[in-house]
Amino acid sequence: MTDKIVVLVTASSLRESKKIAKRLVEGGLAACVNITQPIHSIYRWQGKVTADKEFLLLIKSARELFGEIKAAVSKLHSYTTPEIICLPIIDGSQEYLQWISDSVKQPDKPDE
């Protein structure tokens, strides 16, 4: 098991997806964010089954940064309840995992 993660976030538009992705990468919270073509999401919301077009963000980062990622996405996102799901990267290419480490900031440490 590594300390690297993939975070899944859906957004309603390509513009919103790009804004979130750019802020995460520029802020050192993500090494990379992939944005998919529109996907078709069918989900239950406020007691009704709903279908919408969304964009899926695949965010690569480090586990220690998840709290900051969650806060940043929540602040930037238009949804009341955005999808923010953290999945562990169990294993991967050592070179790629090192690149993630080199590309993200060190997590904020509490004052000692």
Protein backbone atom coordinates (compact mmCIF):
# COMPACT_ATOMS: atom_id res chain seq x y z
CA MET A 1 0.00 0.00 0.00
CA THR A 2 1.28 3.45 -0.88
CA ASP A 3 0.45 6.86 0.57
CA LYS A 4 -0.82 7.97 -2.86
CA ILE A 5 -4.50 8.42 -3.70
CA VAL A 6 -6.93 9.00 -6.53
CA VAL A 7 -9.78 11.33 -5.68
CA LEU A 8 -12.99 11.18 -7.72
CA VAL A 9 -15.02 14.37 -8.15
CA THR A 10 -17.90 14.99 -10.55
CA ALA A 11 -18.83 18.44 -11.82
CA SER A 12 -21.66 19.78 -13.96
CA SER A 13 -19.55 21.54 -16.59
CA LEU A 14 -16.18 21.41 -18.28
CA ARG A 15 -15.55 24.98 -17.17
CA GLU A 16 -16.08 24.13 -13.50
CA SER A 17 -13.98 20.97 -13.87
CA LYS A 18 -11.07 22.93 -15.36
CA LYS A 19 -11.31 25.58 -12.61
CA ILE A 20 -11.13 22.95 -9.87
CA ALA A 21 -8.32 21.04 -11.61
CA LYS A 22 -6.22 24.15 -12.20
CA ARG A 23 -6.54 25.35 -8.59
CA LEU A 24 -5.60 21.93 -7.19
CA VAL A 25 -2.52 21.58 -9.40
CA GLU A 26 -1.41 25.21 -8.98
CA GLY A 27 -1.87 24.91 -5.21
CA GLY A 28 0.27 21.78 -5.00
CA LEU A 29 -2.66 19.65 -3.85
CA ALA A 30 -2.61 17.45 -6.96
CA ALA A 31 0.12 16.23 -9.27
CA CYS A 32 -2.36 15.73 -12.09
CA VAL A 33 -6.08 15.94 -12.74
CA ASN A 34 -7.67 14.10 -15.67
CA ILE A 35 -11.07 15.31 -16.84
CA THR A 36 -13.24 12.86 -18.76
CA GLN A 37 -15.58 13.49 -21.62
CA PRO A 38 -19.15 13.97 -20.41
CA ILE A 39 -20.51 10.98 -18.53
CA HIS A 40 -24.15 10.15 -17.91
CA SER A 41 -24.94 10.04 -14.20
CA ILE A 42 -28.15 8.54 -12.86
CA TYR A 43 -28.62 9.14 -9.16
CA ARG A 44 -31.14 9.69 -6.40
CA TRP A 45 -31.41 13.31 -5.22
CA GLN A 46 -34.05 14.68 -2.87
CA GLY A 47 -36.17 11.54 -3.24
CA LYS A 48 -36.19 11.49 -7.04
CA VAL A 49 -34.18 9.57 -9.62
CA THR A 50 -32.33 12.11 -11.74
CA ALA A 51 -30.16 11.87 -14.85
CA ASP A 52 -27.55 14.46 -15.78
CA LYS A 53 -24.45 14.96 -17.87
CA GLU A 54 -21.35 15.43 -15.70
CA PHE A 55 -17.58 15.48 -15.99
CA LEU A 56 -15.44 13.18 -13.86
CA LEU A 57 -12.18 14.46 -12.38
CA LEU A 58 -9.49 11.90 -11.52
CA ILE A 59 -7.17 13.64 -9.07
CA LYS A 60 -3.77 12.11 -8.23
CA SER A 61 -2.25 13.16 -4.91
CA ALA A 62 -0.95 12.07 -1.50
CA ARG A 63 -3.16 10.79 1.32
CA GLU A 64 -2.02 13.51 3.76
CA LEU A 65 -3.41 16.18 1.43
CA PHE A 66 -6.93 14.75 1.21
CA GLY A 67 -8.36 17.07 3.88
CA GLU A 68 -7.06 20.11 2.00
CA ILE A 69 -8.33 18.72 -1.32
CA LYS A 70 -11.76 18.14 0.19
CA ALA A 71 -11.88 21.69 1.58
CA ALA A 72 -10.70 23.24 -1.71
CA VAL A 73 -13.17 21.27 -3.84
CA SER A 74 -16.04 22.09 -1.46
CA LYS A 75 -15.20 25.80 -1.67
CA LEU A 76 -14.92 25.85 -5.48
CA HIS A 77 -17.77 23.48 -6.32
CA SER A 78 -21.28 24.55 -7.32
CA TYR A 79 -23.01 21.45 -5.90
CA THR A 80 -24.56 21.46 -2.43
CA THR A 81 -23.21 17.94 -1.91
CA PRO A 82 -20.27 17.35 -4.27
CA GLU A 83 -18.88 13.88 -4.82
CA ILE A 84 -15.44 13.78 -3.21
CA ILE A 85 -14.26 10.17 -2.89
CA CYS A 86 -10.74 9.13 -1.92
CA LEU A 87 -9.38 5.81 -3.22
CA PRO A 88 -6.00 4.39 -2.22
CA ILE A 89 -3.36 3.57 -4.80
CA ILE A 90 -2.27 0.16 -3.61
CA ASP A 91 0.69 -0.13 -5.95
CA GLY A 92 2.09 1.41 -9.10
CA SER A 93 5.14 2.30 -11.08
CA GLN A 94 7.80 3.58 -8.66
CA GLU A 95 8.72 6.34 -11.11
CA TYR A 96 5.10 7.53 -11.33
CA LEU A 97 4.55 7.38 -7.57
CA GLN A 98 7.75 9.36 -7.04
CA TRP A 99 6.59 11.91 -9.61
CA ILE A 100 3.38 12.40 -7.60
CA SER A 101 5.49 12.96 -4.45
CA ASP A 102 7.72 15.44 -6.25
CA SER A 103 4.75 17.31 -7.74
CA VAL A 104 2.63 17.96 -4.65
CA LYS A 105 3.35 20.17 -1.68
CA GLN A 106 4.24 18.85 1.74
CA PRO A 107 1.12 18.66 3.92
CA ASP A 108 0.47 21.51 6.36
CA LYS A 109 1.77 20.61 9.80
CA PRO A 110 0.01 21.84 12.94
CA ASP A 111 1.98 24.41 14.93
CA GLU A 112 4.21 22.72 17.44
